[in-house]
Amino acid sequence: GEIREHEVGLYRRASLQGIKQVMGTLHDLDPINIPGIMGNLYMQYYPQSTDSKTVYQTFARNLHFAVSMDEVLYEDNDGEHLEKKVTGIHLYDVDPQTEEILLYTIMDYDIYDKTWSFNSEVPEKFTRMVRKYHRKEYEQFIETLQNLEKRGSLTEGD
């Protein structure tokens, strides 16, 4: 569900206890800022907890991916319509030296050109986690991304 007061507490607790497969929605224009938003939201509702830097780092370390969505204008025989559409898939990592959040956009939709672009560079954290339990699927995933990346931008319907 939508990440609000109780949900952000659940996410932090899940992060600290290693609970897997916790998902939610958060509305923001820039996916790289999600750990900061969640950290600020947590501190707003749970100010008695630890310091904001520790809370931020917990969310940054445990956020694995984001799916971006946007409203895209399209036209058909009935006129113009706004359609909610997936516009990107992003994977996260944290630089161990600087603690900077690294965002790897592996799929990106250009709403003006109506084209998809792909990037097969994925974070080491993602590789480590997925290959451990799903080696065959991971290798197929990377191969597919590499092939899409080689083809270049794809227009809708390709």
Protein backbone atom coordinates (compact mmCIF):
# COMPACT_ATOMS: atom_id res chain seq x y z
CA GLY A 1 0.00 0.00 0.00
CA GLU A 2 0.82 3.68 0.14
CA ILE A 3 3.77 4.33 2.46
CA ARG A 4 2.58 6.48 5.33
CA GLU A 5 3.02 6.45 9.13
CA HIS A 6 2.55 2.77 9.92
CA GLU A 7 3.95 1.48 6.63
CA VAL A 8 7.24 3.37 6.96
CA GLY A 9 7.67 1.82 10.43
CA LEU A 10 7.00 -1.61 8.94
CA TYR A 11 9.59 -0.98 6.21
CA ARG A 12 12.26 0.02 8.71
CA ARG A 13 11.51 -2.94 10.93
CA ALA A 14 11.56 -5.29 7.92
CA SER A 15 14.91 -3.80 6.91
CA LEU A 16 16.39 -4.38 10.34
CA GLN A 17 15.00 -7.90 10.73
CA GLY A 18 15.71 -9.15 7.20
CA ILE A 19 12.05 -9.62 6.29
CA LYS A 20 11.85 -10.17 2.53
CA GLN A 21 9.44 -9.03 -0.15
CA VAL A 22 8.02 -5.87 1.42
CA MET A 23 6.61 -3.56 -1.25
CA GLY A 24 4.69 -0.30 -1.29
CA THR A 25 3.93 2.80 -3.29
CA LEU A 26 5.42 6.24 -2.79
CA HIS A 27 4.63 9.24 -4.93
CA ASP A 28 7.63 11.35 -5.93
CA LEU A 29 9.07 12.59 -9.20
CA ASP A 30 12.63 11.34 -8.63
CA PRO A 31 13.24 7.72 -7.58
CA ILE A 32 16.74 8.38 -6.25
CA ASN A 33 15.23 10.42 -3.42
CA ILE A 34 13.03 7.60 -2.06
CA PRO A 35 15.34 6.57 0.83
CA GLY A 36 15.52 10.21 1.93
CA ILE A 37 11.76 10.62 1.77
CA MET A 38 11.24 7.42 3.75
CA GLY A 39 13.85 8.46 6.32
CA ASN A 40 12.25 11.88 6.78
CA LEU A 41 8.79 10.33 7.02
CA TYR A 42 10.03 7.86 9.63
CA MET A 43 11.64 10.61 11.72
CA GLN A 44 8.41 12.64 11.51
CA TYR A 45 6.34 9.81 12.98
CA TYR A 46 9.00 8.26 15.23
CA PRO A 47 11.19 11.18 16.40
CA GLN A 48 12.22 9.36 19.59
CA SER A 49 14.10 6.76 17.54
CA THR A 50 17.71 6.95 16.51
CA ASP A 51 19.36 9.73 14.52
CA SER A 52 18.19 10.61 11.00
CA LYS A 53 21.46 9.53 9.35
CA THR A 54 21.14 5.97 10.67
CA VAL A 55 17.50 5.80 9.61
CA TYR A 56 18.40 7.08 6.12
CA GLN A 57 21.21 4.53 5.78
CA THR A 58 18.87 1.70 6.78
CA PHE A 59 16.41 2.62 4.04
CA ALA A 60 19.17 3.22 1.47
CA ARG A 61 20.84 -0.16 2.13
CA ASN A 62 17.61 -2.11 1.99
CA LEU A 63 15.85 -0.51 -0.95
CA HIS A 64 16.42 -2.81 -3.93
CA PHE A 65 14.36 -1.46 -6.81
CA ALA A 66 11.77 1.10 -7.87
CA VAL A 67 9.27 1.10 -10.70
CA SER A 68 8.52 4.62 -11.98
CA MET A 69 5.13 5.48 -13.35
CA ASP A 70 3.82 8.61 -15.03
CA GLU A 71 0.70 9.84 -16.74
CA VAL A 72 1.22 9.69 -20.48
CA LEU A 73 -0.98 11.56 -22.95
CA TYR A 74 -2.19 9.46 -25.87
CA GLU A 75 -4.67 10.01 -28.63
CA ASP A 76 -7.23 7.68 -30.18
CA ASN A 77 -10.54 8.00 -32.06
CA ASP A 78 -12.22 9.33 -28.90
CA GLY A 79 -9.70 12.15 -28.41
CA GLU A 80 -6.85 12.68 -25.96
CA HIS A 81 -6.52 10.64 -22.76
CA LEU A 82 -4.13 10.38 -19.85
CA GLU A 83 -2.92 6.87 -19.16
CA LYS A 84 -0.84 5.73 -16.18
CA LYS A 85 2.16 3.91 -17.57
CA VAL A 86 5.34 2.31 -16.27
CA THR A 87 8.16 4.62 -17.35
CA GLY A 88 11.21 3.08 -15.73
CA ILE A 89 12.76 0.35 -13.67
CA HIS A 90 15.58 1.31 -11.34
CA LEU A 91 17.93 -0.74 -9.17
CA TYR A 92 19.68 0.64 -6.07
CA ASP A 93 23.08 0.23 -4.50
CA VAL A 94 25.05 2.18 -1.91
CA ASP A 95 28.71 3.07 -2.41
CA PRO A 96 30.46 1.48 0.59
CA GLN A 97 33.09 4.24 0.71
CA THR A 98 30.92 7.36 0.43
CA GLU A 99 27.51 5.88 1.39
CA GLU A 100 26.13 7.66 -1.68
CA ILE A 101 23.02 6.10 -3.20
CA LEU A 102 23.67 4.75 -6.68
CA LEU A 103 20.70 4.44 -9.03
CA TYR A 104 20.92 2.14 -12.06
CA THR A 105 18.11 2.75 -14.52
CA ILE A 106 17.82 -0.46 -16.52
CA MET A 107 14.67 0.46 -18.45
CA ASP A 108 13.53 4.00 -19.28
CA TYR A 109 10.54 5.20 -21.27
CA ASP A 110 10.71 8.56 -23.06
CA ILE A 111 7.14 9.88 -22.87
CA TYR A 112 7.72 12.36 -25.73
CA ASP A 113 9.39 10.05 -28.25
CA LYS A 114 7.42 7.01 -27.01
CA THR A 115 10.59 4.93 -26.96
CA TRP A 116 12.19 2.56 -24.47
CA SER A 117 15.92 2.49 -23.77
CA PHE A 118 17.76 -0.21 -21.84
CA ASN A 119 20.92 -0.49 -19.75
CA SER A 120 22.45 -3.84 -18.79
CA GLU A 121 24.72 -2.43 -16.06
CA VAL A 122 23.30 -3.63 -12.75
CA PRO A 123 24.62 -3.06 -9.22
CA GLU A 124 26.83 -5.63 -7.55
CA LYS A 125 24.33 -5.90 -4.68
CA PHE A 126 21.57 -6.94 -7.11
CA THR A 127 23.84 -9.49 -8.79
CA ARG A 128 24.87 -10.96 -5.45
CA MET A 129 21.30 -11.28 -4.16
CA VAL A 130 19.64 -12.63 -7.29
CA ARG A 131 22.37 -15.02 -8.48
CA LYS A 132 22.44 -16.66 -5.06
CA TYR A 133 18.90 -18.03 -5.36
CA HIS A 134 17.99 -17.61 -9.03
CA ARG A 135 21.19 -18.06 -11.04
CA LYS A 136 19.56 -19.32 -14.26
CA GLU A 137 16.90 -16.59 -14.27
CA TYR A 138 19.52 -13.93 -13.48
CA GLU A 139 21.69 -14.99 -16.41
CA GLN A 140 18.68 -14.96 -18.74
CA PHE A 141 17.65 -11.55 -17.38
CA ILE A 142 21.11 -10.05 -18.03
CA GLU A 143 21.31 -11.61 -21.49
CA THR A 144 17.89 -10.17 -22.38
CA LEU A 145 18.88 -6.71 -21.10
CA GLN A 146 22.15 -6.84 -23.07
CA ASN A 147 20.29 -7.80 -26.26
CA LEU A 148 17.77 -4.99 -25.76
CA GLU A 149 20.57 -2.53 -25.04
CA LYS A 150 22.34 -3.53 -28.29
CA ARG A 151 19.15 -2.97 -30.31
CA GLY A 152 18.98 0.61 -29.06
CA SER A 153 15.80 2.53 -28.39
CA LEU A 154 12.60 0.62 -29.10
CA THR A 155 9.40 2.38 -30.09
CA GLU A 156 6.13 1.27 -28.57
CA GLY A 157 4.97 -1.95 -30.21
CA ASP A 158 8.48 -3.22 -31.16
